[in-house]
Structure formats: C-alpha cells, structure tokens
N, C-alpha and C. Protein backbone atom coordinates (compact mmCIF):
# COMPACT_ATOMS: atom_id res chain seq x y z
N MET A 1 -1.79 -12.05 51.37
CA MET A 1 -1.25 -11.22 50.32
C MET A 1 -1.74 -11.72 48.97
N ARG A 2 -2.18 -10.83 48.15
CA ARG A 2 -2.71 -11.17 46.82
C ARG A 2 -1.58 -11.29 45.81
N THR A 3 -1.64 -12.32 44.97
CA THR A 3 -0.62 -12.47 43.92
C THR A 3 -1.11 -11.79 42.66
N MET A 4 -0.18 -11.18 41.98
CA MET A 4 -0.49 -10.47 40.74
C MET A 4 -0.12 -11.36 39.56
N PRO A 5 -0.91 -11.35 38.50
CA PRO A 5 -0.53 -12.10 37.30
C PRO A 5 0.72 -11.50 36.69
N SER A 6 1.42 -12.31 35.92
CA SER A 6 2.62 -11.82 35.25
C SER A 6 2.24 -10.73 34.25
N PRO A 7 3.17 -9.79 33.98
CA PRO A 7 2.86 -8.74 32.99
C PRO A 7 2.45 -9.31 31.64
N ALA A 8 3.06 -10.41 31.23
CA ALA A 8 2.71 -11.02 29.93
C ALA A 8 1.27 -11.50 29.94
N ALA A 9 0.83 -12.07 31.05
CA ALA A 9 -0.55 -12.56 31.15
C ALA A 9 -1.53 -11.40 31.11
N VAL A 10 -1.19 -10.30 31.78
CA VAL A 10 -2.07 -9.13 31.77
C VAL A 10 -2.14 -8.55 30.37
N THR A 11 -1.00 -8.42 29.71
CA THR A 11 -0.97 -7.84 28.37
C THR A 11 -1.77 -8.66 27.39
N SER A 12 -1.56 -9.98 27.36
CA SER A 12 -2.28 -10.79 26.38
C SER A 12 -3.76 -10.89 26.70
N ALA A 13 -4.12 -10.87 27.98
CA ALA A 13 -5.53 -10.94 28.35
C ALA A 13 -6.24 -9.64 28.02
N ALA A 14 -5.52 -8.51 28.05
CA ALA A 14 -6.14 -7.21 27.82
C ALA A 14 -6.30 -6.90 26.34
N LEU A 15 -5.57 -7.59 25.50
CA LEU A 15 -5.64 -7.30 24.07
C LEU A 15 -6.85 -7.95 23.43
N PRO A 16 -7.55 -7.22 22.59
CA PRO A 16 -8.67 -7.82 21.87
C PRO A 16 -8.14 -8.80 20.82
N PRO A 17 -9.01 -9.66 20.29
CA PRO A 17 -8.56 -10.58 19.23
C PRO A 17 -8.03 -9.80 18.03
N ILE A 18 -7.15 -10.43 17.30
CA ILE A 18 -6.56 -9.78 16.13
C ILE A 18 -7.60 -9.69 15.01
N ASP A 19 -7.74 -8.50 14.44
CA ASP A 19 -8.68 -8.32 13.34
C ASP A 19 -7.90 -7.98 12.05
N ALA A 20 -8.62 -7.73 10.99
CA ALA A 20 -7.98 -7.47 9.69
C ALA A 20 -7.09 -6.23 9.73
N ALA A 21 -7.48 -5.21 10.47
CA ALA A 21 -6.64 -4.01 10.58
C ALA A 21 -5.32 -4.32 11.26
N ASP A 22 -5.34 -5.18 12.27
CA ASP A 22 -4.11 -5.59 12.94
C ASP A 22 -3.20 -6.35 11.99
N VAL A 23 -3.78 -7.27 11.22
CA VAL A 23 -3.00 -8.05 10.26
C VAL A 23 -2.41 -7.10 9.21
N ALA A 24 -3.19 -6.15 8.73
CA ALA A 24 -2.70 -5.19 7.75
C ALA A 24 -1.53 -4.39 8.31
N ARG A 25 -1.61 -4.01 9.56
CA ARG A 25 -0.53 -3.26 10.20
C ARG A 25 0.75 -4.10 10.27
N GLY A 26 0.63 -5.32 10.74
CA GLY A 26 1.80 -6.19 10.85
C GLY A 26 2.42 -6.48 9.50
N VAL A 27 1.57 -6.76 8.50
CA VAL A 27 2.08 -7.04 7.15
C VAL A 27 2.72 -5.80 6.56
N SER A 28 2.13 -4.64 6.75
CA SER A 28 2.70 -3.40 6.21
C SER A 28 4.08 -3.13 6.79
N ARG A 29 4.25 -3.41 8.08
CA ARG A 29 5.56 -3.24 8.72
C ARG A 29 6.59 -4.22 8.12
N MET A 30 6.17 -5.46 7.95
CA MET A 30 7.09 -6.45 7.37
C MET A 30 7.46 -6.06 5.95
N LEU A 31 6.49 -5.64 5.15
CA LEU A 31 6.77 -5.22 3.78
C LEU A 31 7.75 -4.04 3.76
N LEU A 32 7.56 -3.10 4.65
CA LEU A 32 8.44 -1.93 4.71
C LEU A 32 9.88 -2.35 5.01
N ARG A 33 10.06 -3.32 5.89
CA ARG A 33 11.41 -3.84 6.17
C ARG A 33 12.05 -4.45 4.92
N HIS A 34 11.21 -4.90 3.98
CA HIS A 34 11.69 -5.48 2.73
C HIS A 34 11.66 -4.46 1.59
N ASP A 35 11.64 -3.18 1.94
CA ASP A 35 11.67 -2.07 0.98
C ASP A 35 10.45 -2.05 0.07
N CYS A 36 9.30 -2.46 0.61
CA CYS A 36 8.03 -2.37 -0.11
C CYS A 36 7.12 -1.44 0.67
N VAL A 37 6.54 -0.46 -0.01
CA VAL A 37 5.60 0.44 0.65
C VAL A 37 4.19 0.05 0.27
N ALA A 38 3.32 -0.02 1.27
CA ALA A 38 1.96 -0.52 1.06
C ALA A 38 0.92 0.53 1.41
N ILE A 39 -0.20 0.45 0.70
CA ILE A 39 -1.39 1.19 1.10
C ILE A 39 -2.56 0.20 1.12
N ALA A 40 -3.53 0.53 1.93
CA ALA A 40 -4.67 -0.35 2.14
C ALA A 40 -5.86 0.06 1.28
N GLU A 41 -6.73 -0.92 1.03
CA GLU A 41 -8.00 -0.68 0.35
C GLU A 41 -7.80 0.02 -1.00
N VAL A 42 -7.17 -0.69 -1.91
CA VAL A 42 -6.86 -0.12 -3.22
C VAL A 42 -7.84 -0.65 -4.27
N PRO A 43 -8.67 0.23 -4.84
CA PRO A 43 -9.59 -0.21 -5.89
C PRO A 43 -8.83 -0.66 -7.14
N LEU A 44 -9.34 -1.70 -7.77
CA LEU A 44 -8.75 -2.23 -8.99
C LEU A 44 -9.77 -2.16 -10.11
N ASP A 45 -9.30 -2.24 -11.35
CA ASP A 45 -10.23 -2.33 -12.47
C ASP A 45 -11.11 -3.55 -12.26
N GLY A 46 -12.34 -3.45 -12.66
CA GLY A 46 -13.26 -4.58 -12.50
C GLY A 46 -14.05 -4.53 -11.20
N GLY A 47 -13.85 -3.48 -10.40
CA GLY A 47 -14.65 -3.32 -9.19
C GLY A 47 -14.11 -4.01 -7.95
N ARG A 48 -13.01 -4.69 -8.02
CA ARG A 48 -12.41 -5.34 -6.85
C ARG A 48 -11.61 -4.33 -6.06
N ARG A 49 -11.32 -4.69 -4.82
CA ARG A 49 -10.52 -3.84 -3.94
C ARG A 49 -9.50 -4.71 -3.22
N ALA A 50 -8.22 -4.40 -3.41
CA ALA A 50 -7.15 -5.14 -2.75
C ALA A 50 -7.03 -4.67 -1.30
N ASP A 51 -6.91 -5.61 -0.38
CA ASP A 51 -6.74 -5.24 1.03
C ASP A 51 -5.46 -4.43 1.21
N LEU A 52 -4.36 -4.90 0.63
CA LEU A 52 -3.09 -4.17 0.63
C LEU A 52 -2.46 -4.29 -0.75
N MET A 53 -1.88 -3.20 -1.20
CA MET A 53 -1.07 -3.23 -2.41
C MET A 53 0.24 -2.56 -2.05
N ALA A 54 1.34 -3.16 -2.52
CA ALA A 54 2.66 -2.61 -2.21
C ALA A 54 3.52 -2.55 -3.47
N LEU A 55 4.43 -1.58 -3.46
CA LEU A 55 5.42 -1.43 -4.53
C LEU A 55 6.80 -1.59 -3.91
N ASP A 56 7.68 -2.33 -4.59
CA ASP A 56 9.06 -2.41 -4.13
C ASP A 56 9.90 -1.41 -4.92
N SER A 57 11.18 -1.34 -4.61
CA SER A 57 12.06 -0.34 -5.23
C SER A 57 12.27 -0.58 -6.72
N ARG A 58 11.95 -1.75 -7.22
CA ARG A 58 12.07 -2.05 -8.65
C ARG A 58 10.76 -1.84 -9.41
N GLY A 59 9.71 -1.48 -8.68
CA GLY A 59 8.42 -1.28 -9.32
C GLY A 59 7.56 -2.52 -9.38
N ASN A 60 7.98 -3.60 -8.71
CA ASN A 60 7.15 -4.80 -8.65
C ASN A 60 5.96 -4.55 -7.74
N ILE A 61 4.83 -5.12 -8.12
CA ILE A 61 3.58 -4.89 -7.40
C ILE A 61 3.18 -6.15 -6.66
N VAL A 62 2.88 -5.98 -5.37
CA VAL A 62 2.44 -7.07 -4.51
C VAL A 62 1.04 -6.76 -4.04
N ILE A 63 0.16 -7.75 -4.11
CA ILE A 63 -1.17 -7.63 -3.52
C ILE A 63 -1.27 -8.64 -2.39
N VAL A 64 -1.85 -8.19 -1.27
CA VAL A 64 -2.05 -9.05 -0.11
C VAL A 64 -3.54 -9.07 0.21
N GLU A 65 -4.10 -10.26 0.25
CA GLU A 65 -5.50 -10.46 0.62
C GLU A 65 -5.52 -10.97 2.05
N ILE A 66 -6.22 -10.27 2.93
CA ILE A 66 -6.25 -10.59 4.35
C ILE A 66 -7.51 -11.38 4.68
N LYS A 67 -7.31 -12.46 5.42
CA LYS A 67 -8.43 -13.29 5.89
C LYS A 67 -8.23 -13.55 7.38
N VAL A 68 -9.27 -13.30 8.15
CA VAL A 68 -9.18 -13.54 9.60
C VAL A 68 -10.15 -14.63 10.06
N SER A 69 -10.95 -15.14 9.13
CA SER A 69 -11.84 -16.25 9.49
C SER A 69 -11.84 -17.29 8.37
N ARG A 70 -12.01 -18.51 8.77
CA ARG A 70 -12.05 -19.61 7.81
C ARG A 70 -13.22 -19.45 6.84
N ALA A 71 -14.38 -19.03 7.36
CA ALA A 71 -15.56 -18.85 6.51
C ALA A 71 -15.30 -17.80 5.43
N ASP A 72 -14.64 -16.71 5.80
CA ASP A 72 -14.32 -15.67 4.83
C ASP A 72 -13.37 -16.19 3.76
N LEU A 73 -12.38 -16.96 4.18
CA LEU A 73 -11.43 -17.55 3.23
C LEU A 73 -12.14 -18.49 2.26
N LEU A 74 -12.90 -19.41 2.80
CA LEU A 74 -13.55 -20.42 1.95
C LEU A 74 -14.66 -19.84 1.09
N GLY A 75 -15.23 -18.71 1.50
CA GLY A 75 -16.31 -18.09 0.73
C GLY A 75 -15.83 -17.13 -0.33
N ASP A 76 -14.52 -16.88 -0.39
CA ASP A 76 -13.97 -15.91 -1.35
C ASP A 76 -13.63 -16.62 -2.66
N SER A 77 -14.49 -16.46 -3.64
CA SER A 77 -14.25 -17.11 -4.93
C SER A 77 -13.75 -16.14 -5.99
N LYS A 78 -13.62 -14.87 -5.64
CA LYS A 78 -13.25 -13.87 -6.63
C LYS A 78 -11.82 -13.37 -6.47
N TRP A 79 -11.05 -13.96 -5.56
CA TRP A 79 -9.70 -13.47 -5.30
C TRP A 79 -8.78 -13.60 -6.50
N THR A 80 -9.04 -14.56 -7.38
CA THR A 80 -8.16 -14.72 -8.55
C THR A 80 -8.22 -13.51 -9.48
N GLU A 81 -9.23 -12.67 -9.33
CA GLU A 81 -9.32 -11.45 -10.14
C GLU A 81 -8.26 -10.43 -9.75
N TYR A 82 -7.56 -10.63 -8.63
CA TYR A 82 -6.46 -9.75 -8.23
C TYR A 82 -5.18 -10.08 -9.00
N LEU A 83 -5.04 -11.31 -9.44
CA LEU A 83 -3.79 -11.77 -10.04
C LEU A 83 -3.33 -10.96 -11.26
N PRO A 84 -4.24 -10.52 -12.14
CA PRO A 84 -3.77 -9.72 -13.29
C PRO A 84 -3.25 -8.33 -12.92
N HIS A 85 -3.34 -7.96 -11.62
CA HIS A 85 -2.94 -6.63 -11.18
C HIS A 85 -1.65 -6.63 -10.36
N CYS A 86 -0.98 -7.79 -10.27
CA CYS A 86 0.22 -7.85 -9.42
C CYS A 86 1.24 -8.85 -9.97
N ASP A 87 2.48 -8.62 -9.55
CA ASP A 87 3.55 -9.56 -9.87
C ASP A 87 3.56 -10.72 -8.87
N ARG A 88 3.19 -10.40 -7.64
CA ARG A 88 3.18 -11.40 -6.57
C ARG A 88 1.90 -11.24 -5.76
N PHE A 89 1.35 -12.37 -5.31
CA PHE A 89 0.12 -12.37 -4.52
C PHE A 89 0.34 -13.16 -3.24
N PHE A 90 -0.09 -12.60 -2.11
CA PHE A 90 0.00 -13.27 -0.82
C PHE A 90 -1.35 -13.29 -0.11
N TRP A 91 -1.59 -14.36 0.61
CA TRP A 91 -2.63 -14.41 1.61
C TRP A 91 -1.98 -13.97 2.92
N ALA A 92 -2.69 -13.21 3.73
CA ALA A 92 -2.20 -12.85 5.06
C ALA A 92 -3.26 -13.26 6.07
N VAL A 93 -2.83 -13.96 7.10
CA VAL A 93 -3.73 -14.47 8.13
C VAL A 93 -3.12 -14.22 9.50
N PRO A 94 -3.94 -14.20 10.55
CA PRO A 94 -3.39 -14.02 11.89
C PRO A 94 -2.72 -15.30 12.40
N GLN A 95 -1.88 -15.14 13.41
CA GLN A 95 -1.27 -16.29 14.04
C GLN A 95 -2.36 -17.24 14.53
N GLY A 96 -2.10 -18.53 14.40
CA GLY A 96 -3.06 -19.53 14.85
C GLY A 96 -4.08 -19.93 13.80
N PHE A 97 -4.09 -19.26 12.66
CA PHE A 97 -5.04 -19.56 11.58
C PHE A 97 -4.68 -20.91 10.96
N ASP A 98 -5.68 -21.71 10.64
CA ASP A 98 -5.46 -23.01 10.00
C ASP A 98 -5.06 -22.77 8.54
N LEU A 99 -3.81 -23.08 8.22
CA LEU A 99 -3.28 -22.83 6.88
C LEU A 99 -3.58 -23.94 5.88
N ARG A 100 -4.11 -25.07 6.33
CA ARG A 100 -4.31 -26.22 5.43
C ARG A 100 -5.16 -25.90 4.21
N PRO A 101 -6.23 -25.12 4.30
CA PRO A 101 -7.00 -24.82 3.08
C PRO A 101 -6.16 -24.14 2.00
N LEU A 102 -5.18 -23.35 2.40
CA LEU A 102 -4.35 -22.62 1.43
C LEU A 102 -3.41 -23.52 0.65
N ASP A 103 -3.31 -24.79 1.05
CA ASP A 103 -2.51 -25.76 0.31
C ASP A 103 -3.33 -26.49 -0.76
N GLN A 104 -4.65 -26.26 -0.76
CA GLN A 104 -5.51 -26.91 -1.75
C GLN A 104 -5.35 -26.22 -3.11
N GLU A 105 -5.51 -26.98 -4.18
CA GLU A 105 -5.31 -26.47 -5.53
C GLU A 105 -6.14 -25.24 -5.85
N GLY A 106 -7.34 -25.14 -5.30
CA GLY A 106 -8.19 -23.99 -5.57
C GLY A 106 -7.60 -22.67 -5.10
N PHE A 107 -6.63 -22.73 -4.20
CA PHE A 107 -5.97 -21.53 -3.70
C PHE A 107 -4.61 -21.31 -4.35
N LEU A 108 -4.34 -22.03 -5.43
CA LEU A 108 -3.14 -21.87 -6.26
C LEU A 108 -1.86 -21.77 -5.43
N PRO A 109 -1.53 -22.81 -4.66
CA PRO A 109 -0.35 -22.74 -3.80
C PRO A 109 0.96 -22.52 -4.57
N ALA A 110 1.03 -22.89 -5.83
CA ALA A 110 2.24 -22.64 -6.61
C ALA A 110 2.38 -21.16 -6.95
N ARG A 111 1.30 -20.40 -6.88
CA ARG A 111 1.31 -18.97 -7.23
C ARG A 111 1.24 -18.06 -6.01
N ALA A 112 0.40 -18.44 -5.03
CA ALA A 112 0.10 -17.57 -3.90
C ALA A 112 0.96 -17.88 -2.69
N GLY A 113 1.55 -16.83 -2.12
CA GLY A 113 2.32 -16.97 -0.90
C GLY A 113 1.43 -16.85 0.32
N ILE A 114 2.01 -17.11 1.48
CA ILE A 114 1.29 -17.00 2.75
C ILE A 114 2.12 -16.19 3.73
N LEU A 115 1.45 -15.23 4.37
CA LEU A 115 2.04 -14.43 5.44
C LEU A 115 1.23 -14.67 6.71
N VAL A 116 1.90 -14.82 7.82
CA VAL A 116 1.23 -14.93 9.12
C VAL A 116 1.63 -13.70 9.92
N ALA A 117 0.62 -13.00 10.45
CA ALA A 117 0.88 -11.70 11.06
C ALA A 117 0.24 -11.57 12.44
N ASP A 118 0.80 -10.64 13.20
CA ASP A 118 0.16 -10.14 14.40
C ASP A 118 0.09 -8.63 14.25
N ARG A 119 -0.16 -7.92 15.32
CA ARG A 119 -0.31 -6.46 15.24
C ARG A 119 1.00 -5.74 14.90
N TYR A 120 2.12 -6.40 15.10
CA TYR A 120 3.40 -5.72 15.03
C TYR A 120 4.32 -6.18 13.92
N ASP A 121 4.06 -7.33 13.34
CA ASP A 121 4.98 -7.87 12.36
C ASP A 121 4.29 -9.00 11.60
N ALA A 122 5.01 -9.55 10.64
CA ALA A 122 4.52 -10.70 9.88
C ALA A 122 5.72 -11.54 9.46
N ALA A 123 5.43 -12.78 9.13
CA ALA A 123 6.46 -13.69 8.65
C ALA A 123 5.98 -14.35 7.38
N VAL A 124 6.93 -14.59 6.48
CA VAL A 124 6.62 -15.29 5.23
C VAL A 124 6.66 -16.80 5.53
N VAL A 125 5.51 -17.44 5.37
CA VAL A 125 5.41 -18.88 5.57
C VAL A 125 5.66 -19.59 4.24
N ARG A 126 5.14 -18.99 3.17
CA ARG A 126 5.38 -19.52 1.82
C ARG A 126 5.58 -18.33 0.89
N GLU A 127 6.68 -18.35 0.16
CA GLU A 127 6.94 -17.28 -0.81
C GLU A 127 5.93 -17.35 -1.95
N ALA A 128 5.62 -16.21 -2.50
CA ALA A 128 4.75 -16.13 -3.67
C ALA A 128 5.60 -16.24 -4.93
N ALA A 129 5.06 -16.88 -5.92
CA ALA A 129 5.73 -16.92 -7.23
C ALA A 129 5.66 -15.53 -7.85
N THR A 130 6.66 -15.21 -8.64
CA THR A 130 6.65 -13.95 -9.37
C THR A 130 6.18 -14.22 -10.79
N VAL A 131 5.11 -13.53 -11.16
CA VAL A 131 4.57 -13.61 -12.52
C VAL A 131 4.54 -12.17 -13.04
N PRO A 132 5.54 -11.78 -13.82
CA PRO A 132 5.68 -10.38 -14.23
C PRO A 132 4.46 -9.86 -15.00
N LEU A 133 4.07 -8.65 -14.63
CA LEU A 133 2.98 -7.97 -15.33
C LEU A 133 3.45 -7.48 -16.69
N ALA A 134 2.51 -7.33 -17.60
CA ALA A 134 2.80 -6.66 -18.87
C ALA A 134 3.16 -5.21 -18.55
N SER A 135 4.05 -4.63 -19.32
CA SER A 135 4.53 -3.27 -19.00
C SER A 135 3.40 -2.24 -19.00
N ALA A 136 2.45 -2.36 -19.90
CA ALA A 136 1.33 -1.39 -19.92
C ALA A 136 0.48 -1.51 -18.66
N THR A 137 0.25 -2.73 -18.20
CA THR A 137 -0.52 -2.93 -16.96
C THR A 137 0.26 -2.40 -15.77
N ARG A 138 1.57 -2.68 -15.72
CA ARG A 138 2.41 -2.18 -14.62
C ARG A 138 2.36 -0.65 -14.56
N ARG A 139 2.50 -0.01 -15.71
CA ARG A 139 2.48 1.46 -15.75
C ARG A 139 1.15 1.99 -15.24
N LYS A 140 0.08 1.46 -15.74
CA LYS A 140 -1.25 1.92 -15.33
C LYS A 140 -1.48 1.70 -13.84
N THR A 141 -1.12 0.54 -13.34
CA THR A 141 -1.33 0.21 -11.93
C THR A 141 -0.43 1.05 -11.03
N THR A 142 0.80 1.26 -11.43
CA THR A 142 1.74 2.05 -10.64
C THR A 142 1.29 3.51 -10.57
N LEU A 143 0.85 4.07 -11.69
CA LEU A 143 0.35 5.45 -11.68
C LEU A 143 -0.88 5.58 -10.79
N ALA A 144 -1.79 4.63 -10.87
CA ALA A 144 -2.99 4.67 -10.02
C ALA A 144 -2.60 4.58 -8.54
N PHE A 145 -1.63 3.71 -8.23
CA PHE A 145 -1.15 3.55 -6.86
C PHE A 145 -0.56 4.88 -6.36
N ALA A 146 0.32 5.48 -7.15
CA ALA A 146 0.98 6.72 -6.74
C ALA A 146 -0.03 7.85 -6.55
N ARG A 147 -0.97 7.97 -7.46
CA ARG A 147 -1.97 9.03 -7.35
C ARG A 147 -2.87 8.82 -6.13
N ARG A 148 -3.23 7.58 -5.87
CA ARG A 148 -4.06 7.29 -4.69
C ARG A 148 -3.29 7.62 -3.41
N ALA A 149 -2.02 7.21 -3.34
CA ALA A 149 -1.20 7.49 -2.16
C ALA A 149 -1.05 9.00 -1.96
N ALA A 150 -0.81 9.73 -3.04
CA ALA A 150 -0.66 11.19 -2.93
C ALA A 150 -1.96 11.84 -2.46
N ARG A 151 -3.10 11.38 -2.98
CA ARG A 151 -4.40 11.91 -2.53
C ARG A 151 -4.60 11.69 -1.03
N ARG A 152 -4.19 10.51 -0.57
CA ARG A 152 -4.36 10.20 0.86
C ARG A 152 -3.48 11.11 1.72
N VAL A 153 -2.25 11.37 1.28
CA VAL A 153 -1.39 12.28 2.03
C VAL A 153 -1.97 13.68 2.02
N LEU A 154 -2.42 14.14 0.86
CA LEU A 154 -3.01 15.47 0.75
C LEU A 154 -4.23 15.60 1.67
N THR A 155 -5.04 14.57 1.73
CA THR A 155 -6.22 14.60 2.59
C THR A 155 -5.83 14.70 4.06
N LEU A 156 -4.72 14.06 4.44
CA LEU A 156 -4.24 14.19 5.82
C LEU A 156 -3.74 15.60 6.11
N LEU A 157 -3.05 16.20 5.13
CA LEU A 157 -2.50 17.54 5.31
C LEU A 157 -3.57 18.62 5.21
N ASP A 158 -4.54 18.41 4.34
CA ASP A 158 -5.57 19.41 4.08
C ASP A 158 -6.90 18.70 3.81
N PRO A 159 -7.62 18.34 4.86
CA PRO A 159 -8.86 17.57 4.68
C PRO A 159 -9.88 18.23 3.76
N GLU A 160 -9.89 19.56 3.67
CA GLU A 160 -10.85 20.24 2.81
C GLU A 160 -10.47 20.20 1.34
N SER A 161 -9.24 19.80 1.04
CA SER A 161 -8.77 19.81 -0.35
C SER A 161 -9.57 18.86 -1.24
N VAL A 162 -10.09 17.79 -0.69
CA VAL A 162 -10.85 16.83 -1.49
C VAL A 162 -12.18 17.43 -1.93
N GLN A 163 -12.65 18.45 -1.24
CA GLN A 163 -13.91 19.09 -1.61
C GLN A 163 -13.70 20.13 -2.71
N VAL A 164 -12.46 20.57 -2.89
CA VAL A 164 -12.15 21.61 -3.88
C VAL A 164 -12.32 21.07 -5.30
N PHE A 165 -11.89 19.83 -5.51
CA PHE A 165 -11.90 19.27 -6.86
C PHE A 165 -12.92 18.22 -7.00
C-alpha cells in the first residue's frame, strides 16, 4: 500500500516561491485590517514608483517598498527618495528573509519599519516612525492617489474608457 504525503506537505510543495506580487497581496490585506487602503505601483514626483501606497482613515500616507532578494535590497540606493512622499515608510519582505541588513544605519532603522509577509497576510516586525508630511504635499499626494485609484476602477468597469480621453 502506498502512503500519501500529508496535505500540508502537498500544499507547500505545490506552491511556487513567494514573489513580490505575493508580498504585496499579503501586505495589502494586513493594511486593510488596519483601516489602510493600498494600491500598487504608484508613480511619484521625481520619476520614482512606490511598490505600495496606502491611506488610512486620517489621511496619513504609508509607502511600502517590497524586496524579495538580498541583492535587490542592497542594490537599492534610491529608496530614500520615497520618504518625502509619506508619513510612514516600511520595507516588506517574504518570510525567511534575512532582516539583518535592515538594521544597518544606511536603511534608517529609526525611520523605516519592517513587514514580513506571505501570500495571505503580513506582520509588523518593526513599527515605522511617523514623520508628518507638510499639508501641501499631503494634499497633492492624496489627490494623486485618489485620482489614480478612480482611474483603475474605471478601467476595470470600462476598459475602453481610457482610450476616450
């Protein structure tokens, strides 16, 4: 008689490695539980693009930079350009990621939080400091966020609408 592997073994063996989209999904779910709504791939002034940007019910802006490889983390020297666009900044990494580099001064551990995620959820490993945005920057960023989110919904409802304008 042949023995069957446990369902947990089959499930974990069948799943592909966690990628940035999986981390974004888990982090977005966690943010939503904390009354923050997020959208992915948000262009910022200066040509940068935030992996995730979220707004909470008070209008605070959170940016999450996702890293799934050590090389990508260590090679990213432009991430500090996100800081003027948010009240709080987090790194998000998959489970099992070596967090030690994020404790080095170059990664501003006093400012940047850490989230560890899987496909379904995320956990806060280190809270991010809150550095309030100037009101003019908050207004501009919030309006851009809302307009981008509305465009994305409209595109889902009416894909041809983006060609009209």
